[in-house]
Amino acid sequence: MENSFGRKILSSRDCLQLVEDIRLKTGYSVNANTLRRFFGLVKSQYNPSPSTLTILLKYCGYNSLEELSSVRKPTEKTEVLTEESVLHFLSTVFRNLPMQDGHNLTAETLVQNTIPFLERHPGLAEPFHREVARSVPGRYYYYEMSVNMDRLNGYYGEGLFHYLRSNPTTEGKIFGHSLLVLRYWLTGNKSAVDKHMHELGNIAVPATCPSHILGRLMAARILFAHTHHQSIDGILADATKHLVSLLAGSQQIAIPTFP
């Protein structure tokens, strides 16, 4: 029951919330006082009725007491799930994501569920970002397609340095340094903005640069110009040229969205 509910039942308030959860998941209602007696919060000499047990079994995913009793009990030597095991699992999942143009619902769902997991387990954030940066799908789906703006000045921003070390390609350098320009522009660190913009200035932008990376570069150039009170007219003209060229190249080209 507590595994299905997600926490221990320790108070009358928990029982009231459990009543609602049972109703939502099974469509049946159980009296809160019945649950209080069931969990020993109120003394009772009576056992739960068969109808009550049936509802509670359905809530836990079983159809009968016989079905529940047939479930294999865990042995005493239960393996402890280590940090290394969790990291290995996550990095393996990201490493084996299939690459495809445009939106990948599986990858997006994986990232959306990984972020809350890291929030609950902050100690895993740094080693996870190091590991996920080592695979092409991990860099593409976790770093490039799912920029975590809420943690750009936190663990995601620090992870960009792992991304840069693992991806020394031209496109990788453009993406990483462009996002770091954004990070330090947001935090008012002018010297760091200049440093990463200097790195970008030493890179020749290839004609085949992906649109989601090229967009980041244009944004970094605008933010740098803002920092130094420079005109952005030339940057907007370059962005227009790139966009026209991109659209004229092929009607089938996948253009990922970006801010």
Protein backbone atom coordinates (compact mmCIF):
# COMPACT_ATOMS: atom_id res chain seq x y z
CA MET A 1 0.00 0.00 0.00
CA GLU A 2 2.74 2.44 0.99
CA ASN A 3 4.76 1.61 -2.11
CA SER A 4 1.72 2.37 -4.28
CA PHE A 5 1.02 5.58 -2.36
CA GLY A 6 4.66 6.69 -2.48
CA ARG A 7 5.29 7.22 1.23
CA LYS A 8 4.62 5.89 4.73
CA ILE A 9 1.10 6.18 6.20
CA LEU A 10 1.74 7.78 9.57
CA SER A 11 -1.19 10.10 10.26
CA SER A 12 -4.91 10.68 9.76
CA ARG A 13 -4.01 13.28 7.12
CA ASP A 14 -2.13 10.61 5.18
CA CYS A 15 -5.25 8.41 5.31
CA LEU A 16 -7.42 11.21 3.93
CA GLN A 17 -5.02 11.73 1.04
CA LEU A 18 -4.84 7.97 0.48
CA VAL A 19 -8.66 7.82 0.23
CA GLU A 20 -8.49 10.28 -2.68
CA ASP A 21 -5.60 8.44 -4.33
CA ILE A 22 -7.48 5.13 -4.14
CA ARG A 23 -10.57 6.75 -5.66
CA LEU A 24 -8.55 8.26 -8.52
CA LYS A 25 -6.67 5.05 -9.34
CA THR A 26 -9.44 2.46 -8.84
CA GLY A 27 -12.76 4.32 -9.00
CA TYR A 28 -13.71 2.87 -5.61
CA SER A 29 -14.09 4.60 -2.27
CA VAL A 30 -12.75 3.49 1.10
CA ASN A 31 -13.68 5.14 4.38
CA ALA A 32 -10.83 7.07 6.00
CA ASN A 33 -11.62 5.47 9.38
CA THR A 34 -11.24 2.04 7.75
CA LEU A 35 -7.74 3.03 6.62
CA ARG A 36 -6.88 4.38 10.06
CA ARG A 37 -7.78 1.01 11.56
CA PHE A 38 -5.95 -0.83 8.78
CA PHE A 39 -2.70 1.02 9.48
CA GLY A 40 -3.07 0.77 13.26
CA LEU A 41 -3.64 4.48 13.83
CA VAL A 42 -6.91 3.58 15.60
CA LYS A 43 -7.31 0.41 17.65
CA SER A 44 -9.79 -2.13 16.32
CA GLN A 45 -10.68 -5.75 17.05
CA TYR A 46 -12.07 -6.29 13.55
CA ASN A 47 -10.28 -7.31 10.38
CA PRO A 48 -10.93 -5.49 7.10
CA SER A 49 -13.95 -6.76 5.18
CA PRO A 50 -13.44 -8.81 1.98
CA SER A 51 -14.78 -5.91 -0.10
CA THR A 52 -12.26 -3.51 1.48
CA LEU A 53 -9.40 -5.95 0.85
CA THR A 54 -10.49 -6.29 -2.78
CA ILE A 55 -10.30 -2.52 -3.28
CA LEU A 56 -6.90 -2.29 -1.57
CA LEU A 57 -5.59 -5.16 -3.68
CA LYS A 58 -6.72 -3.44 -6.88
CA TYR A 59 -4.99 -0.26 -5.71
CA CYS A 60 -1.76 -2.24 -5.39
CA GLY A 61 -2.19 -3.86 -8.80
CA TYR A 62 -3.47 -7.32 -7.76
CA ASN A 63 -6.78 -9.07 -8.38
CA SER A 64 -6.81 -11.39 -5.36
CA LEU A 65 -4.99 -12.39 -2.19
CA GLU A 66 -3.88 -15.57 -3.98
CA GLU A 67 -2.23 -13.49 -6.70
CA LEU A 68 -0.48 -11.35 -4.10
CA SER A 69 0.75 -14.38 -2.14
CA SER A 70 2.20 -15.93 -5.30
CA VAL A 71 4.55 -13.00 -5.82
CA ARG A 72 8.12 -14.00 -5.13
CA LYS A 73 9.36 -12.51 -1.89
CA PRO A 74 12.72 -10.68 -2.02
CA THR A 75 15.63 -12.60 -0.60
CA GLU A 76 17.56 -11.36 2.39
CA LYS A 77 20.59 -10.61 0.24
CA THR A 78 19.04 -7.74 -1.69
CA GLU A 79 21.56 -5.93 -3.88
CA VAL A 80 22.08 -2.31 -2.91
CA LEU A 81 21.65 0.09 -5.82
CA THR A 82 24.88 2.07 -5.94
CA GLU A 83 25.55 5.48 -7.45
CA GLU A 84 27.73 3.80 -10.07
CA SER A 85 24.84 1.52 -11.07
CA VAL A 86 22.46 4.45 -11.52
CA LEU A 87 25.02 6.41 -13.56
CA HIS A 88 25.77 3.39 -15.71
CA PHE A 89 22.07 2.88 -16.41
CA LEU A 90 21.40 6.53 -17.28
CA SER A 91 24.47 6.93 -19.47
CA THR A 92 23.67 3.65 -21.27
CA VAL A 93 20.11 4.80 -22.00
CA PHE A 94 21.30 8.12 -23.43
CA ARG A 95 24.15 6.50 -25.36
CA ASN A 96 21.73 4.14 -27.12
CA LEU A 97 19.10 6.70 -28.08
CA PRO A 98 18.46 6.53 -31.84
CA MET A 99 19.46 9.70 -33.65
CA GLN A 100 16.76 11.24 -35.83
CA ASP A 101 15.98 14.60 -37.44
CA GLY A 102 13.47 16.90 -35.82
CA HIS A 103 11.68 16.06 -32.61
CA ASN A 104 12.31 12.76 -30.82
CA LEU A 105 9.51 12.22 -28.30
CA THR A 106 11.36 9.38 -26.57
CA ALA A 107 14.47 11.50 -26.04
CA GLU A 108 12.48 14.53 -24.93
CA THR A 109 10.52 12.45 -22.39
CA LEU A 110 13.74 10.92 -21.09
CA VAL A 111 15.30 14.34 -20.54
CA GLN A 112 12.14 15.71 -18.92
CA ASN A 113 12.21 12.88 -16.38
CA THR A 114 15.97 12.96 -15.84
CA ILE A 115 16.01 16.61 -14.75
CA PRO A 116 13.65 16.15 -11.74
CA PHE A 117 15.64 13.04 -10.80
CA LEU A 118 18.85 15.10 -10.69
CA GLU A 119 17.08 17.76 -8.64
CA ARG A 120 16.24 15.10 -6.04
CA HIS A 121 19.76 13.63 -6.16
CA PRO A 122 22.13 16.60 -6.61
CA GLY A 123 25.16 14.48 -5.81
CA LEU A 124 24.67 12.65 -9.11
CA ALA A 125 24.54 15.81 -11.23
CA GLU A 126 28.27 16.32 -11.82
CA PRO A 127 29.18 12.69 -12.64
CA PHE A 128 26.04 12.36 -14.79
CA HIS A 129 26.93 15.42 -16.85
CA ARG A 130 30.42 14.08 -17.31
CA GLU A 131 29.13 10.71 -18.53
CA VAL A 132 26.30 11.95 -20.75
CA ALA A 133 28.73 14.30 -22.52
CA ARG A 134 30.74 11.31 -23.75
CA SER A 135 28.14 10.06 -26.24
CA VAL A 136 26.83 11.71 -29.40
CA PRO A 137 23.12 11.15 -28.54
CA GLY A 138 23.75 12.39 -24.99
CA ARG A 139 25.35 15.60 -26.20
CA TYR A 140 22.69 16.16 -28.84
CA TYR A 141 19.52 15.40 -26.86
CA TYR A 142 20.55 16.37 -23.33
CA TYR A 143 22.83 19.35 -23.95
CA GLU A 144 21.90 20.80 -27.35
CA MET A 145 18.17 20.08 -27.71
CA SER A 146 17.21 20.50 -24.04
CA VAL A 147 19.08 23.52 -22.68
CA ASN A 148 18.28 23.69 -18.97
CA MET A 149 17.92 27.43 -18.48
CA ASP A 150 16.98 27.00 -14.80
CA ARG A 151 20.39 25.46 -14.11
CA LEU A 152 22.49 27.32 -16.67
CA ASN A 153 24.26 29.00 -13.75
CA GLY A 154 24.38 25.68 -11.89
CA TYR A 155 25.04 22.05 -12.71
CA TYR A 156 23.99 22.29 -16.38
CA GLY A 157 26.33 25.24 -16.95
CA GLU A 158 29.17 23.37 -15.28
CA GLY A 159 28.33 20.38 -17.44
CA LEU A 160 29.03 22.47 -20.54
CA PHE A 161 32.73 22.26 -19.72
CA HIS A 162 32.44 18.44 -19.87
CA TYR A 163 30.58 18.88 -23.16
CA LEU A 164 33.41 21.00 -24.59
CA ARG A 165 36.09 18.55 -23.47
CA SER A 166 34.23 15.60 -24.99
CA ASN A 167 33.23 17.35 -28.21
CA PRO A 168 36.18 19.29 -29.71
CA THR A 169 34.41 19.61 -33.08
CA THR A 170 33.78 23.03 -34.59
CA GLU A 171 30.03 22.75 -33.99
CA GLY A 172 30.63 21.61 -30.42
CA LYS A 173 32.87 24.59 -29.66
CA ILE A 174 30.35 27.01 -31.15
CA PHE A 175 27.49 25.58 -29.10
CA GLY A 176 29.39 25.33 -25.80
CA HIS A 177 31.02 28.74 -25.86
CA SER A 178 27.83 30.43 -27.14
CA LEU A 179 25.83 29.11 -24.21
CA LEU A 180 28.58 30.13 -21.78
CA VAL A 181 28.38 33.66 -23.23
CA LEU A 182 24.66 33.58 -22.36
CA ARG A 183 25.40 32.25 -18.88
CA TYR A 184 27.88 34.97 -18.02
CA TRP A 185 25.84 37.73 -19.69
CA LEU A 186 22.93 36.77 -17.43
CA THR A 187 25.15 36.85 -14.34
CA GLY A 188 26.86 40.10 -15.30
CA ASN A 189 30.33 38.57 -15.64
CA LYS A 190 31.72 40.77 -18.43
CA SER A 191 35.23 39.31 -18.40
CA ALA A 192 33.87 35.77 -18.82
CA VAL A 193 31.63 36.96 -21.67
CA ASP A 194 34.71 38.42 -23.39
CA LYS A 195 36.70 35.23 -22.79
CA HIS A 196 34.16 32.91 -24.43
CA MET A 197 33.42 35.36 -27.22
CA HIS A 198 37.17 35.43 -27.94
CA GLU A 199 37.05 31.63 -28.32
CA LEU A 200 34.14 31.98 -30.75
CA GLY A 201 36.04 34.61 -32.72
CA ASN A 202 38.77 32.06 -33.48
CA ILE A 203 36.30 29.60 -35.05
CA ALA A 204 35.45 29.57 -38.74
CA VAL A 205 31.73 28.85 -38.98
CA PRO A 206 31.12 26.02 -41.47
CA ALA A 207 28.40 26.38 -44.11
CA THR A 208 26.87 23.15 -42.80
CA CYS A 209 26.55 24.37 -39.20
CA PRO A 210 23.23 23.03 -37.76
CA SER A 211 20.55 25.66 -37.33
CA HIS A 212 20.10 25.08 -33.58
CA ILE A 213 23.81 25.76 -33.04
CA LEU A 214 23.97 28.67 -35.48
CA GLY A 215 21.10 30.31 -33.62
CA ARG A 216 23.05 30.13 -30.37
CA LEU A 217 26.03 31.80 -32.05
CA MET A 218 23.89 34.67 -33.31
CA ALA A 219 22.48 35.14 -29.83
CA ALA A 220 25.98 35.17 -28.30
CA ARG A 221 27.11 37.83 -30.77
CA ILE A 222 24.09 40.00 -29.90
CA LEU A 223 24.73 39.63 -26.15
CA PHE A 224 28.40 40.49 -26.60
CA ALA A 225 27.44 43.60 -28.61
CA HIS A 226 25.00 44.57 -25.86
CA THR A 227 27.74 44.24 -23.24
CA HIS A 228 29.97 46.62 -25.21
CA HIS A 229 27.17 48.97 -26.36
CA GLN A 230 27.74 48.09 -30.01
CA SER A 231 25.24 48.06 -32.89
CA ILE A 232 23.64 44.71 -33.74
CA ASP A 233 22.60 45.65 -37.30
CA GLY A 234 25.42 43.66 -38.88
CA ILE A 235 24.62 40.61 -36.74
CA LEU A 236 20.96 40.67 -37.74
CA ALA A 237 21.99 40.98 -41.40
CA ASP A 238 24.22 37.90 -41.04
CA ALA A 239 21.42 36.00 -39.32
CA THR A 240 19.05 36.86 -42.17
CA LYS A 241 21.55 35.62 -44.75
CA HIS A 242 21.99 32.34 -42.89
CA LEU A 243 18.24 31.85 -42.58
CA VAL A 244 17.59 32.57 -46.26
CA SER A 245 20.38 30.18 -47.24
CA LEU A 246 19.03 27.53 -44.89
CA LEU A 247 15.48 27.73 -46.22
CA ALA A 248 16.61 27.86 -49.84
CA GLY A 249 18.81 24.79 -49.46
CA SER A 250 16.04 22.25 -49.00
CA GLN A 251 12.39 22.20 -48.09
CA GLN A 252 12.98 18.88 -46.32
CA ILE A 253 15.57 20.20 -43.89
CA ALA A 254 14.74 19.67 -40.22
CA ILE A 255 14.93 22.95 -38.31
CA PRO A 256 14.89 22.33 -34.54
CA THR A 257 13.34 25.09 -32.50
CA PHE A 258 15.43 27.26 -30.21
CA PRO A 259 14.85 30.52 -28.25
